[in-house]
C-alpha atoms as a PDB file:
ATOM      1  CA  MET A   1      51.489 -95.939 -17.271  1.00  0.00           C
ATOM      2  CA  SER A   2      48.159 -95.294 -15.629  1.00  0.00           C
ATOM      3  CA  SER A   3      45.255 -97.579 -16.478  1.00  0.00           C
ATOM      4  CA  SER A   4      41.780 -96.301 -17.185  1.00  0.00           C
ATOM      5  CA  PRO A   5      39.698 -95.626 -14.085  1.00  0.00           C
ATOM      6  CA  ARG A   6      37.243 -98.207 -12.842  1.00  0.00           C
ATOM      7  CA  ASN A   7      34.424 -97.858 -10.368  1.00  0.00           C
ATOM      8  CA  ILE A   8      35.195 -98.887  -6.801  1.00  0.00           C
ATOM      9  CA  SER A   9      32.657 -99.088  -3.979  1.00  0.00           C
ATOM     10  CA  VAL A  10      33.583 -97.785  -0.541  1.00  0.00           C
ATOM     11  CA  THR A  11      31.427 -97.673   2.562  1.00  0.00           C
ATOM     12  CA  LEU A  12      31.416 -94.701   4.927  1.00  0.00           C
ATOM     13  CA  LEU A  13      29.145 -94.742   7.981  1.00  0.00           C
ATOM     14  CA  GLY A  14      27.217 -97.601   6.467  1.00  0.00           C
ATOM     15  CA  LYS A  15      26.503 -95.799   3.199  1.00  0.00           C
ATOM     16  CA  GLU A  16      28.013 -97.020  -0.055  1.00  0.00           C
ATOM     17  CA  TYR A  17      29.781 -94.603  -2.404  1.00  0.00           C
ATOM     18  CA  VAL A  18      31.083 -95.421  -5.871  1.00  0.00           C
ATOM     19  CA  VAL A  19      34.239 -93.620  -6.951  1.00  0.00           C
ATOM     20  CA  ALA A  20      36.379 -93.804 -10.071  1.00  0.00           C
ATOM     21  CA  CYS A  21      39.888 -95.045  -9.388  1.00  0.00           C
ATOM     22  CA  PRO A  22      42.817 -96.301 -11.479  1.00  0.00           C
ATOM     23  CA  ALA A  23      43.388-100.014 -10.862  1.00  0.00           C
ATOM     24  CA  GLU A  24      46.892 -99.422  -9.493  1.00  0.00           C
ATOM     25  CA  ALA A  25      45.513 -97.071  -6.809  1.00  0.00           C
ATOM     26  CA  GLU A  26      42.642 -99.304  -5.673  1.00  0.00           C
ATOM     27  CA  GLY A  27      44.432-100.680  -2.616  1.00  0.00           C
ATOM     28  CA  GLU A  28      45.410 -97.237  -1.386  1.00  0.00           C
ATOM     29  CA  LEU A  29      41.901 -95.888  -2.000  1.00  0.00           C
ATOM     30  CA  LEU A  30      40.349 -98.728   0.003  1.00  0.00           C
ATOM     31  CA  LYS A  31      42.874 -98.161   2.799  1.00  0.00           C
ATOM     32  CA  ALA A  32      42.101 -94.419   2.834  1.00  0.00           C
ATOM     33  CA  ALA A  33      38.352 -95.084   2.850  1.00  0.00           C
ATOM     34  CA  ALA A  34      38.713 -97.500   5.771  1.00  0.00           C
ATOM     35  CA  TYR A  35      40.708 -94.895   7.705  1.00  0.00           C
ATOM     36  CA  LEU A  36      38.132 -92.196   6.954  1.00  0.00           C
ATOM     37  CA  ASP A  37      35.282 -94.499   7.966  1.00  0.00           C
ATOM     38  CA  LYS A  38      37.061 -95.274  11.249  1.00  0.00           C
ATOM     39  CA  LYS A  39      37.501 -91.563  11.991  1.00  0.00           C
ATOM     40  CA  MET A  40      33.867 -90.830  11.087  1.00  0.00           C
ATOM     41  CA  GLN A  41      32.687 -93.690  13.314  1.00  0.00           C
ATOM     42  CA  GLU A  42      34.734 -92.305  16.223  1.00  0.00           C
ATOM     43  CA  ILE A  43      33.266 -88.818  15.780  1.00  0.00           C
ATOM     44  CA  ARG A  44      29.716 -90.117  15.519  1.00  0.00           C
ATOM     45  CA  ALA A  45      30.253 -92.323  18.591  1.00  0.00           C
ATOM     46  CA  GLY A  46      31.263 -89.203  20.519  1.00  0.00           C
ATOM     47  CA  GLY A  47      27.616 -88.207  20.319  1.00  0.00           C
ATOM     48  CA  ARG A  48      28.126 -84.454  20.021  1.00  0.00           C
ATOM     49  CA  ILE A  49      28.014 -84.100  16.227  1.00  0.00           C
ATOM     50  CA  PHE A  50      25.003 -85.173  14.205  1.00  0.00           C
ATOM     51  CA  GLY A  51      24.519 -85.532  10.483  1.00  0.00           C
ATOM     52  CA  THR A  52      26.743 -87.330   8.021  1.00  0.00           C
ATOM     53  CA  GLU A  53      27.919 -84.106   6.405  1.00  0.00           C
ATOM     54  CA  LYS A  54      29.020 -82.565   9.710  1.00  0.00           C
ATOM     55  CA  VAL A  55      30.721 -85.795  10.756  1.00  0.00           C
ATOM     56  CA  ALA A  56      32.554 -85.890   7.408  1.00  0.00           C
ATOM     57  CA  VAL A  57      33.715 -82.278   7.769  1.00  0.00           C
ATOM     58  CA  MET A  58      35.005 -82.895  11.297  1.00  0.00           C
ATOM     59  CA  ALA A  59      36.791 -86.060  10.145  1.00  0.00           C
ATOM     60  CA  ALA A  60      38.376 -84.113   7.271  1.00  0.00           C
ATOM     61  CA  LEU A  61      39.553 -81.419   9.684  1.00  0.00           C
ATOM     62  CA  ASN A  62      40.983 -83.994  12.094  1.00  0.00           C
ATOM     63  CA  ILE A  63      42.784 -85.898   9.346  1.00  0.00           C
ATOM     64  CA  THR A  64      44.171 -82.663   7.887  1.00  0.00           C
ATOM     65  CA  TYR A  65      45.441 -81.663  11.327  1.00  0.00           C
ATOM     66  CA  GLU A  66      47.111 -85.075  11.723  1.00  0.00           C
ATOM     67  CA  LEU A  67      48.763 -84.712   8.313  1.00  0.00           C
ATOM     68  CA  GLN A  68      50.029 -81.211   9.016  1.00  0.00           C
ATOM     69  CA  SER A  69      51.331 -82.204  12.454  1.00  0.00           C
ATOM     70  CA  SER A  70      53.146 -85.166  10.941  1.00  0.00           C
ATOM     71  CA  GLN A  71      54.690 -83.027   8.211  1.00  0.00           C
ATOM     72  CA  THR A  72      55.808 -80.430  10.764  1.00  0.00           C
ATOM     73  CA  ALA A  73      57.405 -83.112  12.934  1.00  0.00           C
ATOM     74  CA  GLU A  74      59.181 -84.605   9.904  1.00  0.00           C
ATOM     75  CA  ARG A  75      60.451 -81.167   8.857  1.00  0.00           C
ATOM     76  CA  GLU A  76      61.716 -80.447  12.359  1.00  0.00           C
ATOM     77  CA  ALA A  77      63.469 -83.817  12.513  1.00  0.00           C
ATOM     78  CA  ALA A  78      65.086 -83.218   9.110  1.00  0.00           C
ATOM     79  CA  ASN A  79      66.242 -79.737  10.146  1.00  0.00           C
ATOM     80  CA  LEU A  80      67.715 -81.122  13.371  1.00  0.00           C
ATOM     81  CA  ARG A  81      69.568 -83.800  11.430  1.00  0.00           C
ATOM     82  CA  LEU A  82      70.878 -81.219   8.944  1.00  0.00           C
ATOM     83  CA  ASP A  83      72.105 -79.062  11.837  1.00  0.00           C
ATOM     84  CA  GLN A  84      73.862 -82.070  13.365  1.00  0.00           C
ATOM     85  CA  LEU A  85      75.497 -82.956  10.044  1.00  0.00           C
ATOM     86  CA  SER A  86      76.570 -79.355   9.536  1.00  0.00           C
ATOM     87  CA  GLN A  87      78.180 -79.290  12.978  1.00  0.00           C
ATOM     88  CA  LEU A  88      79.935 -82.575  12.257  1.00  0.00           C
ATOM     89  CA  ILE A  89      81.303 -81.198   8.975  1.00  0.00           C
ATOM     90  CA  GLU A  90      82.493 -78.034  10.729  1.00  0.00           C
ATOM     91  CA  GLN A  91      84.262 -80.124  13.382  1.00  0.00           C
ATOM     92  CA  THR A  92      85.788 -82.488  10.840  1.00  0.00           C
ATOM     93  CA  LEU A  93      87.116 -80.061   8.228  1.00  0.00           C
ATOM     94  CA  PRO A  94      90.424 -78.361   8.888  1.00  0.00           C
ATOM     95  CA  ASP A  95      90.212 -74.592   9.449  1.00  0.00           C
ATOM     96  CA  ASN A  96      91.757 -73.717   6.088  1.00  0.00           C
ATOM     97  CA  ALA A  97      89.219 -75.855   4.139  1.00  0.00           C
ATOM     98  CA  ARG A  98      86.277 -73.775   5.421  1.00  0.00           C
ATOM     99  CA  THR A  99      87.282 -70.585   3.670  1.00  0.00           C
END
């Protein structure tokens, strides 16, 4: 059962933000905020993008790309494994059991 939300402070690029979060999700929220802050710091350190809003948008795009790439790789790995298992089943079953 989910507990009532409580206010949690996170810091992004040195600015504090207060967000509502269920107690059981606090650790994950803090971990996500730390990851986002790291990505924003990297983008700002690159020196080509200025303004917190633009840095945040670029960080969001980069993180979304990472997520999609990871999901694609996982899907491809799962499909490869399914193909391998299918081939193994085909090789293992006698001919008359496949019909």
